[in-house]
Amino acid sequence: MSNSVKHQKNFMALPLNLLASTLAQFLNIYMLILFVRILLSWFPTINWYDPPFSILSQLTDPYLNLFRSFIPPLGGIDFSAIIAIFALQFGSQLIIALLGSMQQVF
């Protein structure tokens, strides 16, 4: 393989590496925010309309509501949050694996 072909492959792999690492970091940060939101939900005295809790609620509720719409609470426990974290973890691993396989093509 010539040097120009190797250089071209490295040049094409760089944006995919950047995209994969940025996406992985974003998903890790969002999972951390989601985990904090779930932990804080165990404290009934928290007012979700007061800052900084309102920001946390605005960031996480749209995603959690996707799962709450078809997974009702059982015995007062919201299992939709656990499923939401598993789905986010699975999705992040899938996207990173797909980007990794695309990188091998280039």
N, C-alpha and C. Protein backbone atom coordinates (compact mmCIF):
# COMPACT_ATOMS: atom_id res chain seq x y z
N MET A 1 0.85 -1.17 0.00
CA MET A 1 0.00 0.00 0.00
C MET A 1 0.90 1.24 0.00
N SER A 2 0.58 2.16 -0.84
CA SER A 2 1.42 3.35 -0.96
C SER A 2 1.16 4.30 0.20
N ASN A 3 2.09 5.24 0.37
CA ASN A 3 1.97 6.21 1.46
C ASN A 3 0.76 7.11 1.29
N SER A 4 0.42 7.46 0.04
CA SER A 4 -0.73 8.34 -0.17
C SER A 4 -2.04 7.65 0.20
N VAL A 5 -2.14 6.34 -0.04
CA VAL A 5 -3.35 5.60 0.33
C VAL A 5 -3.43 5.49 1.86
N LYS A 6 -2.31 5.24 2.52
CA LYS A 6 -2.30 5.18 3.98
C LYS A 6 -2.68 6.53 4.58
N HIS A 7 -2.14 7.60 3.99
CA HIS A 7 -2.45 8.95 4.47
C HIS A 7 -3.94 9.24 4.29
N GLN A 8 -4.50 8.82 3.15
CA GLN A 8 -5.91 9.06 2.90
C GLN A 8 -6.78 8.28 3.90
N LYS A 9 -6.41 7.04 4.20
CA LYS A 9 -7.16 6.26 5.17
C LYS A 9 -7.10 6.90 6.55
N ASN A 10 -5.92 7.35 6.96
CA ASN A 10 -5.79 8.02 8.26
C ASN A 10 -6.58 9.31 8.30
N PHE A 11 -6.60 10.03 7.18
CA PHE A 11 -7.33 11.28 7.10
C PHE A 11 -8.83 11.04 7.24
N MET A 12 -9.34 9.95 6.65
CA MET A 12 -10.76 9.64 6.74
C MET A 12 -11.12 9.08 8.12
N ALA A 13 -10.20 8.40 8.77
CA ALA A 13 -10.49 7.81 10.07
C ALA A 13 -10.54 8.86 11.17
N LEU A 14 -9.84 9.96 11.01
CA LEU A 14 -9.79 10.99 12.05
C LEU A 14 -11.17 11.57 12.37
N PRO A 15 -11.98 11.97 11.38
CA PRO A 15 -13.31 12.49 11.73
C PRO A 15 -14.20 11.44 12.40
N LEU A 16 -14.08 10.18 11.99
CA LEU A 16 -14.88 9.14 12.61
C LEU A 16 -14.46 8.90 14.06
N ASN A 17 -13.16 8.94 14.31
CA ASN A 17 -12.68 8.82 15.70
C ASN A 17 -13.19 9.98 16.55
N LEU A 18 -13.14 11.17 16.00
CA LEU A 18 -13.61 12.35 16.72
C LEU A 18 -15.11 12.25 16.99
N LEU A 19 -15.86 11.82 16.00
CA LEU A 19 -17.31 11.67 16.16
C LEU A 19 -17.63 10.61 17.21
N ALA A 20 -16.94 9.48 17.15
CA ALA A 20 -17.20 8.40 18.10
C ALA A 20 -16.86 8.82 19.52
N SER A 21 -15.72 9.47 19.71
CA SER A 21 -15.34 9.87 21.07
C SER A 21 -16.24 10.98 21.60
N THR A 22 -16.64 11.92 20.75
CA THR A 22 -17.55 12.98 21.17
C THR A 22 -18.90 12.41 21.56
N LEU A 23 -19.41 11.51 20.73
CA LEU A 23 -20.69 10.88 21.02
C LEU A 23 -20.63 10.06 22.31
N ALA A 24 -19.56 9.33 22.50
CA ALA A 24 -19.40 8.53 23.71
C ALA A 24 -19.35 9.43 24.95
N GLN A 25 -18.65 10.54 24.88
CA GLN A 25 -18.57 11.46 26.01
C GLN A 25 -19.93 12.09 26.31
N PHE A 26 -20.64 12.49 25.26
CA PHE A 26 -21.97 13.07 25.43
C PHE A 26 -22.91 12.08 26.11
N LEU A 27 -22.91 10.84 25.64
CA LEU A 27 -23.80 9.83 26.21
C LEU A 27 -23.41 9.49 27.65
N ASN A 28 -22.13 9.48 27.96
CA ASN A 28 -21.69 9.24 29.34
C ASN A 28 -22.14 10.37 30.27
N ILE A 29 -22.02 11.60 29.81
CA ILE A 29 -22.46 12.74 30.61
C ILE A 29 -23.97 12.70 30.81
N TYR A 30 -24.71 12.37 29.74
CA TYR A 30 -26.16 12.30 29.85
C TYR A 30 -26.58 11.17 30.80
N MET A 31 -25.88 10.04 30.75
CA MET A 31 -26.19 8.95 31.68
C MET A 31 -25.93 9.37 33.12
N LEU A 32 -24.88 10.13 33.35
CA LEU A 32 -24.60 10.64 34.69
C LEU A 32 -25.71 11.58 35.16
N ILE A 33 -26.14 12.47 34.29
CA ILE A 33 -27.24 13.39 34.63
C ILE A 33 -28.51 12.60 34.92
N LEU A 34 -28.77 11.59 34.12
CA LEU A 34 -29.94 10.74 34.32
C LEU A 34 -29.86 9.99 35.64
N PHE A 35 -28.69 9.50 35.97
CA PHE A 35 -28.50 8.78 37.23
C PHE A 35 -28.71 9.71 38.43
N VAL A 36 -28.21 10.93 38.35
CA VAL A 36 -28.41 11.91 39.43
C VAL A 36 -29.90 12.21 39.57
N ARG A 37 -30.59 12.35 38.45
CA ARG A 37 -32.04 12.61 38.47
C ARG A 37 -32.78 11.48 39.16
N ILE A 38 -32.39 10.24 38.86
CA ILE A 38 -33.05 9.09 39.47
C ILE A 38 -32.77 9.03 40.97
N LEU A 39 -31.53 9.29 41.36
CA LEU A 39 -31.20 9.29 42.80
C LEU A 39 -31.98 10.37 43.55
N LEU A 40 -32.08 11.55 42.94
CA LEU A 40 -32.79 12.64 43.61
C LEU A 40 -34.29 12.40 43.67
N SER A 41 -34.81 11.56 42.81
CA SER A 41 -36.25 11.28 42.84
C SER A 41 -36.64 10.50 44.09
N TRP A 42 -35.68 9.94 44.81
CA TRP A 42 -35.96 9.22 46.05
C TRP A 42 -36.24 10.18 47.21
N PHE A 43 -35.98 11.46 47.02
CA PHE A 43 -36.22 12.45 48.06
C PHE A 43 -37.50 13.21 47.72
N PRO A 44 -38.59 12.93 48.44
CA PRO A 44 -39.88 13.53 48.07
C PRO A 44 -39.98 15.03 48.35
N THR A 45 -39.06 15.58 49.11
CA THR A 45 -39.14 17.01 49.44
C THR A 45 -38.55 17.91 48.36
N ILE A 46 -37.95 17.33 47.34
CA ILE A 46 -37.35 18.14 46.28
C ILE A 46 -38.45 18.74 45.41
N ASN A 47 -38.37 20.04 45.23
CA ASN A 47 -39.30 20.73 44.34
C ASN A 47 -38.65 20.81 42.96
N TRP A 48 -39.20 20.08 42.00
CA TRP A 48 -38.61 20.00 40.66
C TRP A 48 -38.80 21.28 39.85
N TYR A 49 -39.49 22.27 40.42
CA TYR A 49 -39.68 23.55 39.74
C TYR A 49 -38.64 24.59 40.16
N ASP A 50 -37.85 24.29 41.18
CA ASP A 50 -36.81 25.20 41.64
C ASP A 50 -35.47 24.86 40.99
N PRO A 51 -34.68 25.91 40.66
CA PRO A 51 -33.33 25.62 40.15
C PRO A 51 -32.48 25.03 41.25
N PRO A 52 -31.57 24.20 41.03
CA PRO A 52 -31.11 23.60 39.76
C PRO A 52 -31.90 22.36 39.35
N PHE A 53 -32.90 21.99 40.18
CA PHE A 53 -33.65 20.78 39.90
C PHE A 53 -34.50 20.91 38.64
N SER A 54 -34.98 22.11 38.35
CA SER A 54 -35.80 22.30 37.15
C SER A 54 -34.98 22.04 35.89
N ILE A 55 -33.72 22.44 35.90
CA ILE A 55 -32.85 22.18 34.74
C ILE A 55 -32.63 20.68 34.57
N LEU A 56 -32.40 20.01 35.67
CA LEU A 56 -32.22 18.56 35.65
C LEU A 56 -33.47 17.87 35.12
N SER A 57 -34.60 18.34 35.57
CA SER A 57 -35.87 17.77 35.12
C SER A 57 -36.11 18.04 33.63
N GLN A 58 -35.80 19.24 33.18
CA GLN A 58 -35.98 19.57 31.76
C GLN A 58 -35.07 18.76 30.86
N LEU A 59 -33.89 18.42 31.35
CA LEU A 59 -32.95 17.63 30.55
C LEU A 59 -33.34 16.15 30.47
N THR A 60 -33.92 15.63 31.53
CA THR A 60 -34.14 14.18 31.59
C THR A 60 -35.58 13.74 31.36
N ASP A 61 -36.55 14.57 31.70
CA ASP A 61 -37.94 14.14 31.59
C ASP A 61 -38.39 13.77 30.18
N PRO A 62 -38.00 14.49 29.13
CA PRO A 62 -38.44 14.05 27.80
C PRO A 62 -37.98 12.63 27.45
N TYR A 63 -36.76 12.29 27.81
CA TYR A 63 -36.27 10.94 27.55
C TYR A 63 -36.98 9.92 28.43
N LEU A 64 -37.13 10.23 29.71
CA LEU A 64 -37.80 9.30 30.62
C LEU A 64 -39.27 9.12 30.28
N ASN A 65 -39.92 10.17 29.79
CA ASN A 65 -41.34 10.08 29.44
C ASN A 65 -41.59 9.12 28.28
N LEU A 66 -40.59 8.94 27.43
CA LEU A 66 -40.73 7.94 26.36
C LEU A 66 -40.98 6.56 26.94
N PHE A 67 -40.31 6.24 28.01
CA PHE A 67 -40.44 4.93 28.64
C PHE A 67 -41.61 4.88 29.62
N ARG A 68 -41.91 6.00 30.26
CA ARG A 68 -43.03 6.03 31.21
C ARG A 68 -44.37 5.84 30.50
N SER A 69 -44.41 6.17 29.22
CA SER A 69 -45.67 6.05 28.49
C SER A 69 -46.09 4.60 28.29
N PHE A 70 -45.14 3.66 28.29
CA PHE A 70 -45.53 2.26 28.11
C PHE A 70 -45.07 1.33 29.23
N ILE A 71 -44.40 1.86 30.25
CA ILE A 71 -44.01 1.06 31.42
C ILE A 71 -44.55 1.77 32.66
N PRO A 72 -45.71 1.33 33.15
CA PRO A 72 -46.28 2.00 34.33
C PRO A 72 -45.52 1.62 35.60
N PRO A 73 -45.59 2.48 36.63
CA PRO A 73 -44.96 2.13 37.91
C PRO A 73 -45.63 0.90 38.53
N LEU A 74 -44.83 0.04 39.10
CA LEU A 74 -45.35 -1.16 39.76
C LEU A 74 -45.05 -1.06 41.24
N GLY A 75 -46.09 -1.02 42.05
CA GLY A 75 -45.90 -0.92 43.49
C GLY A 75 -45.21 0.35 43.92
N GLY A 76 -45.40 1.43 43.17
CA GLY A 76 -44.78 2.71 43.50
C GLY A 76 -43.35 2.85 43.02
N ILE A 77 -42.84 1.84 42.32
CA ILE A 77 -41.47 1.89 41.81
C ILE A 77 -41.51 2.13 40.31
N ASP A 78 -40.77 3.13 39.87
CA ASP A 78 -40.72 3.49 38.46
C ASP A 78 -39.60 2.71 37.77
N PHE A 79 -39.97 1.60 37.16
CA PHE A 79 -38.98 0.77 36.46
C PHE A 79 -38.60 1.35 35.10
N SER A 80 -39.35 2.33 34.63
CA SER A 80 -39.04 2.92 33.33
C SER A 80 -37.67 3.59 33.33
N ALA A 81 -37.25 4.12 34.47
CA ALA A 81 -35.94 4.76 34.55
C ALA A 81 -34.81 3.75 34.36
N ILE A 82 -34.99 2.56 34.92
CA ILE A 82 -33.97 1.51 34.75
C ILE A 82 -33.89 1.08 33.30
N ILE A 83 -35.06 0.89 32.68
CA ILE A 83 -35.10 0.51 31.27
C ILE A 83 -34.51 1.62 30.41
N ALA A 84 -34.75 2.87 30.77
CA ALA A 84 -34.21 4.00 30.01
C ALA A 84 -32.68 4.01 30.06
N ILE A 85 -32.10 3.71 31.21
CA ILE A 85 -30.64 3.67 31.32
C ILE A 85 -30.08 2.51 30.50
N PHE A 86 -30.73 1.34 30.58
CA PHE A 86 -30.27 0.20 29.78
C PHE A 86 -30.36 0.51 28.29
N ALA A 87 -31.44 1.16 27.87
CA ALA A 87 -31.60 1.50 26.46
C ALA A 87 -30.54 2.49 26.01
N LEU A 88 -30.24 3.46 26.84
CA LEU A 88 -29.21 4.44 26.51
C LEU A 88 -27.84 3.78 26.42
N GLN A 89 -27.55 2.88 27.34
CA GLN A 89 -26.27 2.16 27.32
C GLN A 89 -26.17 1.28 26.08
N PHE A 90 -27.25 0.57 25.76
CA PHE A 90 -27.26 -0.29 24.58
C PHE A 90 -27.10 0.54 23.31
N GLY A 91 -27.83 1.65 23.24
CA GLY A 91 -27.74 2.52 22.07
C GLY A 91 -26.36 3.11 21.89
N SER A 92 -25.74 3.50 22.98
CA SER A 92 -24.39 4.09 22.87
C SER A 92 -23.38 3.04 22.42
N GLN A 93 -23.49 1.82 22.93
CA GLN A 93 -22.58 0.76 22.50
C GLN A 93 -22.80 0.42 21.03
N LEU A 94 -24.05 0.41 20.60
CA LEU A 94 -24.36 0.11 19.20
C LEU A 94 -23.80 1.18 18.26
N ILE A 95 -23.99 2.43 18.61
CA ILE A 95 -23.50 3.52 17.76
C ILE A 95 -21.98 3.51 17.70
N ILE A 96 -21.34 3.30 18.81
CA ILE A 96 -19.88 3.27 18.83
C ILE A 96 -19.35 2.09 18.03
N ALA A 97 -20.03 0.94 18.13
CA ALA A 97 -19.62 -0.23 17.34
C ALA A 97 -19.80 0.03 15.85
N LEU A 98 -20.90 0.67 15.48
CA LEU A 98 -21.13 0.98 14.07
C LEU A 98 -20.10 1.96 13.54
N LEU A 99 -19.78 2.97 14.33
CA LEU A 99 -18.75 3.92 13.90
C LEU A 99 -17.39 3.24 13.81
N GLY A 100 -17.13 2.31 14.70
CA GLY A 100 -15.87 1.56 14.64
C GLY A 100 -15.78 0.70 13.40
N SER A 101 -16.91 0.08 13.02
CA SER A 101 -16.88 -0.73 11.80
C SER A 101 -16.78 0.15 10.56
N MET A 102 -17.36 1.34 10.60
CA MET A 102 -17.21 2.26 9.47
C MET A 102 -15.77 2.72 9.34
N GLN A 103 -15.10 2.87 10.46
CA GLN A 103 -13.71 3.31 10.45
C GLN A 103 -12.83 2.27 9.76
N GLN A 104 -13.14 1.00 9.93
CA GLN A 104 -12.35 -0.05 9.29
C GLN A 104 -12.50 -0.01 7.78
N VAL A 105 -13.66 0.46 7.30
CA VAL A 105 -13.88 0.57 5.86
C VAL A 105 -12.96 1.63 5.27
N PHE A 106 -12.81 2.74 6.01
CA PHE A 106 -11.96 3.82 5.53
C PHE A 106 -10.55 3.51 5.92
